[in-house]
């Protein structure tokens, strides 16, 4: 999840407002290295909590001081504008990486994963133990927190099917608590919490299966994804949502925009709905490319493509 979640006046003296907190803060920190696109300007402050207790006090201090909060998560599916992000940007990449089996029965298991866990790590953990339910995330970039926020998965199955509950902290105040999946409004590429907050971990209810069959399935899926997704270049995942009854990648390729380039940004030559940073791309390059592709698809097919990519921050001006 990313984007402004708690808005307020951003004033000078941020170091003074955040002093005495145990969390690591970096001031005027470039955000490009914290995104899979490798693009973006600086944050006024980047907060890197390692555990829930640190995150709780950061949120409470920002609430009391009226500081804007933006959650960056693992930086996938996100484009940071060249002017950067005002206020406090929170990234969970320094912690929240534990995976554990919380409960195990004959036919099911409850697996807990921190929001900062890389998606492939969870998929491997479950597959090695013969638990199915997370394989729909195979090949998806980013972290478990992002996978939940985007209700990631395949056309046949979304991760919501495996979620039993989440750990989260409300921005309105209070400590970390457990939220049942039934209180989350899941939809296509979205998971809406009851109110603004940050997820620190997810608990998955998985089913027993044959580990060999699951490994074969994941190997087959990985091979297919390598053929139809770009590898080796900075990329944020799918750019547009699939329109009803069609696929954004098919429309982009049919419009002749596959391989189209603006500056260092290019529509992937492998898949039309993946854009890549060929080197030196700016957020302005990517936003211009997005608008050119959207305009061409609209002109040829009368379809308005909707962004799946989260765009945050301000222009360089």
C-alpha atoms as a PDB file:
ATOM      1  CA  UNK A   1       0.000   0.000   0.000  1.00  0.00           C
ATOM      2  CA  UNK A   2       1.284   3.483  -0.753  1.00  0.00           C
ATOM      3  CA  UNK A   3       0.039   7.023  -0.989  1.00  0.00           C
ATOM      4  CA  UNK A   4      -0.821   9.773   1.501  1.00  0.00           C
ATOM      5  CA  UNK A   5      -2.554   8.207   4.479  1.00  0.00           C
ATOM      6  CA  UNK A   6      -2.443  10.931   7.116  1.00  0.00           C
ATOM      7  CA  UNK A   7      -2.224  14.485   5.842  1.00  0.00           C
ATOM      8  CA  UNK A   8      -1.093  17.530   7.745  1.00  0.00           C
ATOM      9  CA  UNK A   9       1.131  20.595   7.467  1.00  0.00           C
ATOM     10  CA  UNK A  10       4.743  19.790   6.665  1.00  0.00           C
ATOM     11  CA  UNK A  11       6.946  22.374   8.381  1.00  0.00           C
ATOM     12  CA  UNK A  12      10.608  22.892   9.072  1.00  0.00           C
ATOM     13  CA  UNK A  13      12.243  21.352  12.084  1.00  0.00           C
ATOM     14  CA  UNK A  14      11.398  17.738  11.297  1.00  0.00           C
ATOM     15  CA  UNK A  15      14.471  16.516  13.133  1.00  0.00           C
ATOM     16  CA  UNK A  16      13.285  18.291  16.260  1.00  0.00           C
ATOM     17  CA  UNK A  17       9.770  16.867  15.936  1.00  0.00           C
ATOM     18  CA  UNK A  18      11.080  13.302  15.600  1.00  0.00           C
ATOM     19  CA  UNK A  19      13.921  13.421  18.102  1.00  0.00           C
ATOM     20  CA  UNK A  20      14.348  10.829  20.851  1.00  0.00           C
ATOM     21  CA  UNK A  21      12.616   8.044  18.885  1.00  0.00           C
ATOM     22  CA  UNK A  22      14.398   4.695  18.528  1.00  0.00           C
ATOM     23  CA  UNK A  23      13.476   4.334  14.845  1.00  0.00           C
ATOM     24  CA  UNK A  24      16.108   5.036  12.172  1.00  0.00           C
ATOM     25  CA  UNK A  25      15.351   8.254  10.250  1.00  0.00           C
ATOM     26  CA  UNK A  26      17.052   9.463   7.081  1.00  0.00           C
ATOM     27  CA  UNK A  27      16.485  13.065   6.038  1.00  0.00           C
ATOM     28  CA  UNK A  28      16.283  14.114   2.356  1.00  0.00           C
ATOM     29  CA  UNK A  29      16.805  10.460   1.441  1.00  0.00           C
ATOM     30  CA  UNK A  30      16.504   9.566  -2.284  1.00  0.00           C
ATOM     31  CA  UNK A  31      13.687   7.043  -2.724  1.00  0.00           C
ATOM     32  CA  UNK A  32      14.786   5.553  -6.053  1.00  0.00           C
ATOM     33  CA  UNK A  33      16.829   2.768  -4.358  1.00  0.00           C
ATOM     34  CA  UNK A  34      13.731   1.830  -2.340  1.00  0.00           C
ATOM     35  CA  UNK A  35      11.522   1.182  -5.379  1.00  0.00           C
ATOM     36  CA  UNK A  36      11.656  -1.590  -7.972  1.00  0.00           C
ATOM     37  CA  UNK A  37      11.467   1.035 -10.751  1.00  0.00           C
ATOM     38  CA  UNK A  38      14.668   2.631  -9.333  1.00  0.00           C
ATOM     39  CA  UNK A  39      13.142   6.049  -9.963  1.00  0.00           C
ATOM     40  CA  UNK A  40      12.066   8.929  -7.731  1.00  0.00           C
ATOM     41  CA  UNK A  41      13.056  12.014  -5.760  1.00  0.00           C
ATOM     42  CA  UNK A  42      13.814  12.312  -2.044  1.00  0.00           C
ATOM     43  CA  UNK A  43      11.619  11.968   1.014  1.00  0.00           C
ATOM     44  CA  UNK A  44      11.712  14.789   3.542  1.00  0.00           C
ATOM     45  CA  UNK A  45      12.155  11.980   6.057  1.00  0.00           C
ATOM     46  CA  UNK A  46      12.436   8.240   5.478  1.00  0.00           C
ATOM     47  CA  UNK A  47      11.506   6.174   8.541  1.00  0.00           C
ATOM     48  CA  UNK A  48      12.840   2.610   8.725  1.00  0.00           C
ATOM     49  CA  UNK A  49      11.258   0.875  11.736  1.00  0.00           C
ATOM     50  CA  UNK A  50      12.420  -2.649  12.497  1.00  0.00           C
ATOM     51  CA  UNK A  51       9.526  -3.812  14.687  1.00  0.00           C
ATOM     52  CA  UNK A  52       5.965  -2.954  15.690  1.00  0.00           C
ATOM     53  CA  UNK A  53       6.964  -1.012  18.819  1.00  0.00           C
ATOM     54  CA  UNK A  54       9.123   1.381  16.779  1.00  0.00           C
ATOM     55  CA  UNK A  55       6.397   1.789  14.161  1.00  0.00           C
ATOM     56  CA  UNK A  56       3.761   2.527  16.805  1.00  0.00           C
ATOM     57  CA  UNK A  57       5.709   5.434  18.303  1.00  0.00           C
ATOM     58  CA  UNK A  58       6.528   6.885  14.863  1.00  0.00           C
ATOM     59  CA  UNK A  59       2.850   6.893  13.903  1.00  0.00           C
ATOM     60  CA  UNK A  60       1.839   8.402  17.235  1.00  0.00           C
ATOM     61  CA  UNK A  61       4.481  11.151  16.991  1.00  0.00           C
ATOM     62  CA  UNK A  62       3.416  12.002  13.429  1.00  0.00           C
ATOM     63  CA  UNK A  63      -0.209  12.117  14.546  1.00  0.00           C
ATOM     64  CA  UNK A  64       0.551  14.492  17.404  1.00  0.00           C
ATOM     65  CA  UNK A  65       2.791  16.730  15.279  1.00  0.00           C
ATOM     66  CA  UNK A  66       0.421  16.792  12.296  1.00  0.00           C
ATOM     67  CA  UNK A  67       3.014  15.331   9.922  1.00  0.00           C
ATOM     68  CA  UNK A  68       1.995  13.748   6.631  1.00  0.00           C
ATOM     69  CA  UNK A  69       2.625   9.988   6.401  1.00  0.00           C
ATOM     70  CA  UNK A  70       3.149   8.012   3.221  1.00  0.00           C
ATOM     71  CA  UNK A  71       3.624   4.243   3.326  1.00  0.00           C
ATOM     72  CA  UNK A  72       6.109   2.991   0.734  1.00  0.00           C
ATOM     73  CA  UNK A  73       6.223  -0.660   1.790  1.00  0.00           C
ATOM     74  CA  UNK A  74       8.652  -2.654  -0.348  1.00  0.00           C
ATOM     75  CA  UNK A  75       8.532  -0.210  -3.261  1.00  0.00           C
ATOM     76  CA  UNK A  76       6.925  -2.495  -5.873  1.00  0.00           C
ATOM     77  CA  UNK A  77       3.943  -1.310  -7.896  1.00  0.00           C
ATOM     78  CA  UNK A  78       4.956   2.253  -7.020  1.00  0.00           C
ATOM     79  CA  UNK A  79       6.253   5.252  -8.954  1.00  0.00           C
ATOM     80  CA  UNK A  80       7.731   8.125  -6.941  1.00  0.00           C
ATOM     81  CA  UNK A  81       7.607  11.446  -8.773  1.00  0.00           C
ATOM     82  CA  UNK A  82      10.878  13.277  -9.399  1.00  0.00           C
ATOM     83  CA  UNK A  83      10.163  15.967  -6.788  1.00  0.00           C
ATOM     84  CA  UNK A  84       9.990  13.381  -4.030  1.00  0.00           C
ATOM     85  CA  UNK A  85       7.551  13.063  -1.128  1.00  0.00           C
ATOM     86  CA  UNK A  86       6.841  15.592   1.591  1.00  0.00           C
ATOM     87  CA  UNK A  87       6.523  14.577   5.208  1.00  0.00           C
ATOM     88  CA  UNK A  88       7.425  11.155   6.622  1.00  0.00           C
ATOM     89  CA  UNK A  89       7.744   8.140   4.333  1.00  0.00           C
ATOM     90  CA  UNK A  90       7.613   4.773   6.097  1.00  0.00           C
ATOM     91  CA  UNK A  91       9.329   1.733   4.622  1.00  0.00           C
ATOM     92  CA  UNK A  92       9.236  -1.686   6.282  1.00  0.00           C
ATOM     93  CA  UNK A  93      12.224  -3.131   4.412  1.00  0.00           C
ATOM     94  CA  UNK A  94      14.498  -3.084   7.478  1.00  0.00           C
ATOM     95  CA  UNK A  95      12.325  -5.472   9.490  1.00  0.00           C
ATOM     96  CA  UNK A  96       9.032  -7.384   9.566  1.00  0.00           C
ATOM     97  CA  UNK A  97      10.687 -10.316   7.759  1.00  0.00           C
ATOM     98  CA  UNK A  98       9.813 -13.309   9.913  1.00  0.00           C
ATOM     99  CA  UNK A  99       7.944 -16.339   8.586  1.00  0.00           C
ATOM    100  CA  UNK A 100       6.658 -18.905  11.055  1.00  0.00           C
ATOM    101  CA  UNK A 101       4.213 -21.761  11.334  1.00  0.00           C
ATOM    102  CA  UNK A 102       1.736 -20.649  13.982  1.00  0.00           C
ATOM    103  CA  UNK A 103      -0.468 -23.737  13.914  1.00  0.00           C
ATOM    104  CA  UNK A 104      -0.336 -27.077  12.125  1.00  0.00           C
ATOM    105  CA  UNK A 105      -3.073 -29.686  11.755  1.00  0.00           C
ATOM    106  CA  UNK A 106      -3.400 -32.777   9.563  1.00  0.00           C
ATOM    107  CA  UNK A 107      -4.953 -30.891   6.655  1.00  0.00           C
ATOM    108  CA  UNK A 108      -4.305 -27.178   7.307  1.00  0.00           C
ATOM    109  CA  UNK A 109      -1.688 -24.829   8.695  1.00  0.00           C
ATOM    110  CA  UNK A 110      -1.647 -21.213   9.823  1.00  0.00           C
ATOM    111  CA  UNK A 111       1.444 -19.437   8.509  1.00  0.00           C
ATOM    112  CA  UNK A 112       2.442 -15.955   9.673  1.00  0.00           C
ATOM    113  CA  UNK A 113       4.544 -13.632   7.515  1.00  0.00           C
ATOM    114  CA  UNK A 114       5.761 -10.128   8.282  1.00  0.00           C
ATOM    115  CA  UNK A 115       4.745  -7.371   5.877  1.00  0.00           C
ATOM    116  CA  UNK A 116       8.403  -6.951   4.864  1.00  0.00           C
ATOM    117  CA  UNK A 117       8.829 -10.594   3.796  1.00  0.00           C
ATOM    118  CA  UNK A 118       9.718 -10.931   0.127  1.00  0.00           C
ATOM    119  CA  UNK A 119       6.949 -12.745  -1.727  1.00  0.00           C
ATOM    120  CA  UNK A 120       9.201 -15.508  -3.168  1.00  0.00           C
ATOM    121  CA  UNK A 121      10.397 -16.343   0.355  1.00  0.00           C
ATOM    122  CA  UNK A 122       6.848 -17.068   1.540  1.00  0.00           C
ATOM    123  CA  UNK A 123       5.986 -19.065  -1.581  1.00  0.00           C
ATOM    124  CA  UNK A 124       9.109 -21.234  -1.090  1.00  0.00           C
ATOM    125  CA  UNK A 125       8.457 -21.675   2.640  1.00  0.00           C
ATOM    126  CA  UNK A 126       4.927 -22.966   2.010  1.00  0.00           C
ATOM    127  CA  UNK A 127       5.875 -25.161  -0.958  1.00  0.00           C
ATOM    128  CA  UNK A 128       8.742 -26.877   0.863  1.00  0.00           C
ATOM    129  CA  UNK A 129       6.333 -27.884   3.619  1.00  0.00           C
ATOM    130  CA  UNK A 130       3.552 -29.021   1.308  1.00  0.00           C
ATOM    131  CA  UNK A 131       1.101 -26.205   2.025  1.00  0.00           C
ATOM    132  CA  UNK A 132      -0.863 -24.728  -0.874  1.00  0.00           C
ATOM    133  CA  UNK A 133      -2.621 -21.375  -1.119  1.00  0.00           C
ATOM    134  CA  UNK A 134       0.216 -18.918  -1.768  1.00  0.00           C
ATOM    135  CA  UNK A 135       1.325 -20.291  -5.152  1.00  0.00           C
ATOM    136  CA  UNK A 136      -0.847 -17.664  -6.892  1.00  0.00           C
ATOM    137  CA  UNK A 137       1.869 -15.196  -5.815  1.00  0.00           C
ATOM    138  CA  UNK A 138       4.658 -17.012  -7.679  1.00  0.00           C
ATOM    139  CA  UNK A 139       6.548 -14.487  -9.797  1.00  0.00           C
ATOM    140  CA  UNK A 140       4.873 -11.435  -8.214  1.00  0.00           C
ATOM    141  CA  UNK A 141       7.422  -8.752  -7.191  1.00  0.00           C
ATOM    142  CA  UNK A 142       7.524  -7.021  -3.837  1.00  0.00           C
ATOM    143  CA  UNK A 143       6.597  -7.879  -0.284  1.00  0.00           C
ATOM    144  CA  UNK A 144       3.739  -9.563   1.553  1.00  0.00           C
ATOM    145  CA  UNK A 145       2.378  -6.202   2.683  1.00  0.00           C
ATOM    146  CA  UNK A 146       2.148  -5.078  -0.921  1.00  0.00           C
ATOM    147  CA  UNK A 147       0.632  -8.390  -2.009  1.00  0.00           C
ATOM    148  CA  UNK A 148      -2.153  -7.903   0.519  1.00  0.00           C
ATOM    149  CA  UNK A 149      -2.726  -4.253  -0.396  1.00  0.00           C
ATOM    150  CA  UNK A 150      -3.039  -5.146  -4.091  1.00  0.00           C
ATOM    151  CA  UNK A 151      -4.898  -8.425  -3.486  1.00  0.00           C
ATOM    152  CA  UNK A 152      -2.256  -9.913  -5.759  1.00  0.00           C
ATOM    153  CA  UNK A 153      -2.569 -13.200  -7.605  1.00  0.00           C
ATOM    154  CA  UNK A 154      -3.524 -14.676 -10.937  1.00  0.00           C
ATOM    155  CA  UNK A 155      -6.609 -14.366 -13.100  1.00  0.00           C
ATOM    156  CA  UNK A 156      -7.908 -17.545 -11.449  1.00  0.00           C
ATOM    157  CA  UNK A 157      -7.103 -16.869  -7.777  1.00  0.00           C
ATOM    158  CA  UNK A 158      -6.307 -13.888  -5.549  1.00  0.00           C
ATOM    159  CA  UNK A 159      -4.419 -14.036  -2.276  1.00  0.00           C
ATOM    160  CA  UNK A 160      -7.553 -13.022  -0.332  1.00  0.00           C
ATOM    161  CA  UNK A 161      -8.603 -16.695  -0.502  1.00  0.00           C
ATOM    162  CA  UNK A 162      -5.735 -17.648   1.804  1.00  0.00           C
ATOM    163  CA  UNK A 163      -5.801 -14.710   4.239  1.00  0.00           C
ATOM    164  CA  UNK A 164      -7.172 -15.455   7.708  1.00  0.00           C
ATOM    165  CA  UNK A 165      -6.190 -12.248   9.488  1.00  0.00           C
ATOM    166  CA  UNK A 166      -3.658  -9.398   9.536  1.00  0.00           C
ATOM    167  CA  UNK A 167      -1.707  -7.489  12.140  1.00  0.00           C
ATOM    168  CA  UNK A 168      -2.160  -3.743  11.730  1.00  0.00           C
ATOM    169  CA  UNK A 169      -1.784  -0.349  13.395  1.00  0.00           C
ATOM    170  CA  UNK A 170      -4.429   2.329  12.911  1.00  0.00           C
ATOM    171  CA  UNK A 171      -3.296   5.844  12.039  1.00  0.00           C
ATOM    172  CA  UNK A 172      -5.992   7.218  14.328  1.00  0.00           C
ATOM    173  CA  UNK A 173      -4.160   5.860  17.392  1.00  0.00           C
ATOM    174  CA  UNK A 174      -3.744   2.714  19.416  1.00  0.00           C
ATOM    175  CA  UNK A 175      -1.317  -0.180  19.291  1.00  0.00           C
ATOM    176  CA  UNK A 176      -0.975  -3.155  16.975  1.00  0.00           C
ATOM    177  CA  UNK A 177      -4.000  -5.453  16.808  1.00  0.00           C
ATOM    178  CA  UNK A 178      -5.311  -8.440  14.881  1.00  0.00           C
ATOM    179  CA  UNK A 179      -7.917  -7.823  12.168  1.00  0.00           C
ATOM    180  CA  UNK A 180      -9.921 -10.792  10.787  1.00  0.00           C
ATOM    181  CA  UNK A 181      -9.993 -11.116   6.999  1.00  0.00           C
ATOM    182  CA  UNK A 182     -13.767 -10.731   7.101  1.00  0.00           C
ATOM    183  CA  UNK A 183     -13.280  -7.091   8.139  1.00  0.00           C
ATOM    184  CA  UNK A 184     -11.206  -6.333   5.033  1.00  0.00           C
ATOM    185  CA  UNK A 185     -13.029  -5.373   1.849  1.00  0.00           C
ATOM    186  CA  UNK A 186     -11.243  -7.270  -0.917  1.00  0.00           C
ATOM    187  CA  UNK A 187     -11.797  -6.459  -4.586  1.00  0.00           C
ATOM    188  CA  UNK A 188      -9.870  -6.607  -7.850  1.00  0.00           C
ATOM    189  CA  UNK A 189      -6.334  -5.383  -7.067  1.00  0.00           C
ATOM    190  CA  UNK A 190      -7.401  -3.815  -3.784  1.00  0.00           C
ATOM    191  CA  UNK A 191      -7.809  -4.583  -0.083  1.00  0.00           C
ATOM    192  CA  UNK A 192      -9.569  -1.856   1.892  1.00  0.00           C
ATOM    193  CA  UNK A 193      -8.979  -1.718   5.650  1.00  0.00           C
ATOM    194  CA  UNK A 194     -11.745  -0.421   7.950  1.00  0.00           C
ATOM    195  CA  UNK A 195      -9.786   2.836   8.291  1.00  0.00           C
ATOM    196  CA  UNK A 196      -6.326   4.123   7.307  1.00  0.00           C
ATOM    197  CA  UNK A 197      -3.500   2.146   8.866  1.00  0.00           C
ATOM    198  CA  UNK A 198      -0.449   0.020   8.151  1.00  0.00           C
ATOM    199  CA  UNK A 199      -0.332  -3.770   7.984  1.00  0.00           C
ATOM    200  CA  UNK A 200       2.665  -5.274   9.780  1.00  0.00           C
ATOM    201  CA  UNK A 201       1.979  -8.950   9.095  1.00  0.00           C
ATOM    202  CA  UNK A 202      -0.424 -11.417   7.470  1.00  0.00           C
ATOM    203  CA  UNK A 203      -1.649 -14.818   8.652  1.00  0.00           C
ATOM    204  CA  UNK A 204      -2.474 -17.353   5.937  1.00  0.00           C
ATOM    205  CA  UNK A 205      -4.644 -20.481   6.280  1.00  0.00           C
ATOM    206  CA  UNK A 206      -3.130 -23.036   3.892  1.00  0.00           C
ATOM    207  CA  UNK A 207      -4.127 -26.567   2.872  1.00  0.00           C
ATOM    208  CA  UNK A 208      -2.081 -29.771   2.799  1.00  0.00           C
ATOM    209  CA  UNK A 209      -0.944 -31.010  -0.603  1.00  0.00           C
ATOM    210  CA  UNK A 210       1.781 -33.144  -2.131  1.00  0.00           C
ATOM    211  CA  UNK A 211       5.070 -31.148  -1.986  1.00  0.00           C
ATOM    212  CA  UNK A 212       6.317 -32.718  -5.226  1.00  0.00           C
ATOM    213  CA  UNK A 213       3.182 -31.725  -7.107  1.00  0.00           C
ATOM    214  CA  UNK A 214       3.402 -28.207  -5.717  1.00  0.00           C
ATOM    215  CA  UNK A 215       7.080 -27.839  -6.647  1.00  0.00           C
ATOM    216  CA  UNK A 216       6.336 -29.000 -10.200  1.00  0.00           C
ATOM    217  CA  UNK A 217       3.470 -26.516 -10.447  1.00  0.00           C
ATOM    218  CA  UNK A 218       5.658 -23.641  -9.263  1.00  0.00           C
ATOM    219  CA  UNK A 219       8.478 -24.591 -11.652  1.00  0.00           C
ATOM    220  CA  UNK A 220       6.041 -24.661 -14.562  1.00  0.00           C
ATOM    221  CA  UNK A 221       4.570 -21.305 -13.536  1.00  0.00           C
ATOM    222  CA  UNK A 222       8.024 -19.741 -13.089  1.00  0.00           C
ATOM    223  CA  UNK A 223       9.063 -20.891 -16.565  1.00  0.00           C
ATOM    224  CA  UNK A 224       5.893 -19.408 -18.073  1.00  0.00           C
ATOM    225  CA  UNK A 225       6.407 -16.092 -16.276  1.00  0.00           C
ATOM    226  CA  UNK A 226      10.030 -15.884 -17.474  1.00  0.00           C
ATOM    227  CA  UNK A 227       8.754 -16.134 -21.036  1.00  0.00           C
ATOM    228  CA  UNK A 228       6.060 -13.471 -20.716  1.00  0.00           C
ATOM    229  CA  UNK A 229       7.538 -10.994 -18.195  1.00  0.00           C
ATOM    230  CA  UNK A 230      10.660  -8.805 -18.403  1.00  0.00           C
ATOM    231  CA  UNK A 231      13.688  -9.815 -16.348  1.00  0.00           C
ATOM    232  CA  UNK A 232      16.925  -8.029 -15.612  1.00  0.00           C
ATOM    233  CA  UNK A 233      15.558  -4.464 -15.857  1.00  0.00           C
ATOM    234  CA  UNK A 234      13.937  -2.304 -13.158  1.00  0.00           C
ATOM    235  CA  UNK A 235      10.184  -2.858 -13.377  1.00  0.00           C
ATOM    236  CA  UNK A 236       7.215  -2.282 -11.060  1.00  0.00           C
ATOM    237  CA  UNK A 237       4.855  -5.029 -12.241  1.00  0.00           C
ATOM    238  CA  UNK A 238       1.646  -4.445 -14.179  1.00  0.00           C
ATOM    239  CA  UNK A 239       0.993  -0.803 -15.077  1.00  0.00           C
ATOM    240  CA  UNK A 240      -2.730  -0.945 -15.897  1.00  0.00           C
ATOM    241  CA  UNK A 241      -5.664  -2.944 -14.578  1.00  0.00           C
ATOM    242  CA  UNK A 242      -7.274  -5.349 -16.998  1.00  0.00           C
ATOM    243  CA  UNK A 243     -10.486  -3.843 -18.390  1.00  0.00           C
ATOM    244  CA  UNK A 244     -13.654  -5.965 -18.161  1.00  0.00           C
ATOM    245  CA  UNK A 245     -13.539  -8.818 -20.662  1.00  0.00           C
ATOM    246  CA  UNK A 246     -10.080  -7.988 -21.983  1.00  0.00           C
ATOM    247  CA  UNK A 247      -6.418  -7.658 -20.981  1.00  0.00           C
ATOM    248  CA  UNK A 248      -4.445  -4.437 -20.854  1.00  0.00           C
ATOM    249  CA  UNK A 249      -1.339  -6.117 -22.305  1.00  0.00           C
ATOM    250  CA  UNK A 250      -3.243  -7.366 -25.343  1.00  0.00           C
ATOM    251  CA  UNK A 251      -4.691  -3.903 -26.043  1.00  0.00           C
ATOM    252  CA  UNK A 252      -1.302  -2.206 -25.723  1.00  0.00           C
ATOM    253  CA  UNK A 253       0.365  -4.707 -28.029  1.00  0.00           C
ATOM    254  CA  UNK A 254      -2.501  -4.519 -30.549  1.00  0.00           C
ATOM    255  CA  UNK A 255      -2.166  -0.719 -30.570  1.00  0.00           C
ATOM    256  CA  UNK A 256       1.445  -1.030 -31.726  1.00  0.00           C
ATOM    257  CA  UNK A 257       2.910   0.488 -28.543  1.00  0.00           C
ATOM    258  CA  UNK A 258       4.934  -2.543 -27.477  1.00  0.00           C
ATOM    259  CA  UNK A 259       8.569  -1.418 -27.322  1.00  0.00           C
ATOM    260  CA  UNK A 260       7.622   2.274 -27.464  1.00  0.00           C
ATOM    261  CA  UNK A 261      10.078   4.451 -25.563  1.00  0.00           C
ATOM    262  CA  UNK A 262      10.183   7.854 -23.860  1.00  0.00           C
ATOM    263  CA  UNK A 263      13.626   8.766 -22.579  1.00  0.00           C
ATOM    264  CA  UNK A 264      14.859   5.900 -20.416  1.00  0.00           C
ATOM    265  CA  UNK A 265      11.375   4.410 -20.018  1.00  0.00           C
ATOM    266  CA  UNK A 266      10.080   1.722 -22.383  1.00  0.00           C
ATOM    267  CA  UNK A 267       7.049  -0.507 -22.848  1.00  0.00           C
ATOM    268  CA  UNK A 268       8.571  -3.951 -22.408  1.00  0.00           C
ATOM    269  CA  UNK A 269       9.287  -5.861 -25.599  1.00  0.00           C
ATOM    270  CA  UNK A 270       8.231  -9.000 -23.707  1.00  0.00           C
ATOM    271  CA  UNK A 271       4.833  -7.923 -22.358  1.00  0.00           C
ATOM    272  CA  UNK A 272       2.840  -4.795 -23.189  1.00  0.00           C
ATOM    273  CA  UNK A 273       1.576  -4.179 -19.654  1.00  0.00           C
ATOM    274  CA  UNK A 274       5.060  -4.054 -18.132  1.00  0.00           C
ATOM    275  CA  UNK A 275       7.149  -0.899 -18.429  1.00  0.00           C
ATOM    276  CA  UNK A 276      10.893  -0.971 -17.750  1.00  0.00           C
ATOM    277  CA  UNK A 277      13.642   1.448 -16.855  1.00  0.00           C
ATOM    278  CA  UNK A 278      16.227   1.021 -19.611  1.00  0.00           C
ATOM    279  CA  UNK A 279      18.659   3.191 -17.668  1.00  0.00           C
ATOM    280  CA  UNK A 280      18.422   6.777 -16.495  1.00  0.00           C
ATOM    281  CA  UNK A 281      14.632   6.919 -16.686  1.00  0.00           C
ATOM    282  CA  UNK A 282      12.872   9.634 -14.719  1.00  0.00           C
ATOM    283  CA  UNK A 283       9.388   9.569 -13.271  1.00  0.00           C
ATOM    284  CA  UNK A 284       8.489  12.184 -15.892  1.00  0.00           C
ATOM    285  CA  UNK A 285       9.599   9.746 -18.631  1.00  0.00           C
ATOM    286  CA  UNK A 286       7.403   7.005 -17.199  1.00  0.00           C
ATOM    287  CA  UNK A 287       4.382   9.263 -16.709  1.00  0.00           C
ATOM    288  CA  UNK A 288       4.703  10.545 -20.274  1.00  0.00           C
ATOM    289  CA  UNK A 289       4.950   6.976 -21.544  1.00  0.00           C
ATOM    290  CA  UNK A 290       1.862   6.001 -19.548  1.00  0.00           C
ATOM    291  CA  UNK A 291      -0.146   8.857 -21.069  1.00  0.00           C
ATOM    292  CA  UNK A 292       1.031   8.113 -24.619  1.00  0.00           C
ATOM    293  CA  UNK A 293       0.070   4.448 -24.287  1.00  0.00           C
ATOM    294  CA  UNK A 294      -3.263   5.272 -22.675  1.00  0.00           C
ATOM    295  CA  UNK A 295      -4.032   7.820 -25.397  1.00  0.00           C
ATOM    296  CA  UNK A 296      -3.223   5.396 -28.223  1.00  0.00           C
ATOM    297  CA  UNK A 297      -5.328   2.593 -26.743  1.00  0.00           C
ATOM    298  CA  UNK A 298      -8.207   5.032 -26.257  1.00  0.00           C
ATOM    299  CA  UNK A 299      -7.882   6.289 -29.843  1.00  0.00           C
ATOM    300  CA  UNK A 300      -7.852   2.833 -31.412  1.00  0.00           C
ATOM    301  CA  UNK A 301     -10.168   0.863 -29.119  1.00  0.00           C
ATOM    302  CA  UNK A 302     -12.207   3.450 -27.164  1.00  0.00           C
ATOM    303  CA  UNK A 303     -10.979   1.884 -23.899  1.00  0.00           C
ATOM    304  CA  UNK A 304      -9.741   4.003 -20.996  1.00  0.00           C
ATOM    305  CA  UNK A 305      -7.011   2.057 -19.219  1.00  0.00           C
ATOM    306  CA  UNK A 306      -6.994   2.477 -15.424  1.00  0.00           C
ATOM    307  CA  UNK A 307      -3.678   2.597 -13.577  1.00  0.00           C
ATOM    308  CA  UNK A 308      -2.784  -0.298 -11.315  1.00  0.00           C
ATOM    309  CA  UNK A 309       0.495   1.470 -10.525  1.00  0.00           C
ATOM    310  CA  UNK A 310       0.499   3.740  -7.449  1.00  0.00           C
ATOM    311  CA  UNK A 311       1.950   7.196  -8.173  1.00  0.00           C
ATOM    312  CA  UNK A 312       3.092   9.252  -5.176  1.00  0.00           C
ATOM    313  CA  UNK A 313       4.955  12.473  -4.519  1.00  0.00           C
ATOM    314  CA  UNK A 314       5.380  15.751  -6.353  1.00  0.00           C
ATOM    315  CA  UNK A 315       6.759  16.832  -9.728  1.00  0.00           C
ATOM    316  CA  UNK A 316      10.312  18.147  -9.891  1.00  0.00           C
ATOM    317  CA  UNK A 317       9.132  21.745 -10.224  1.00  0.00           C
END
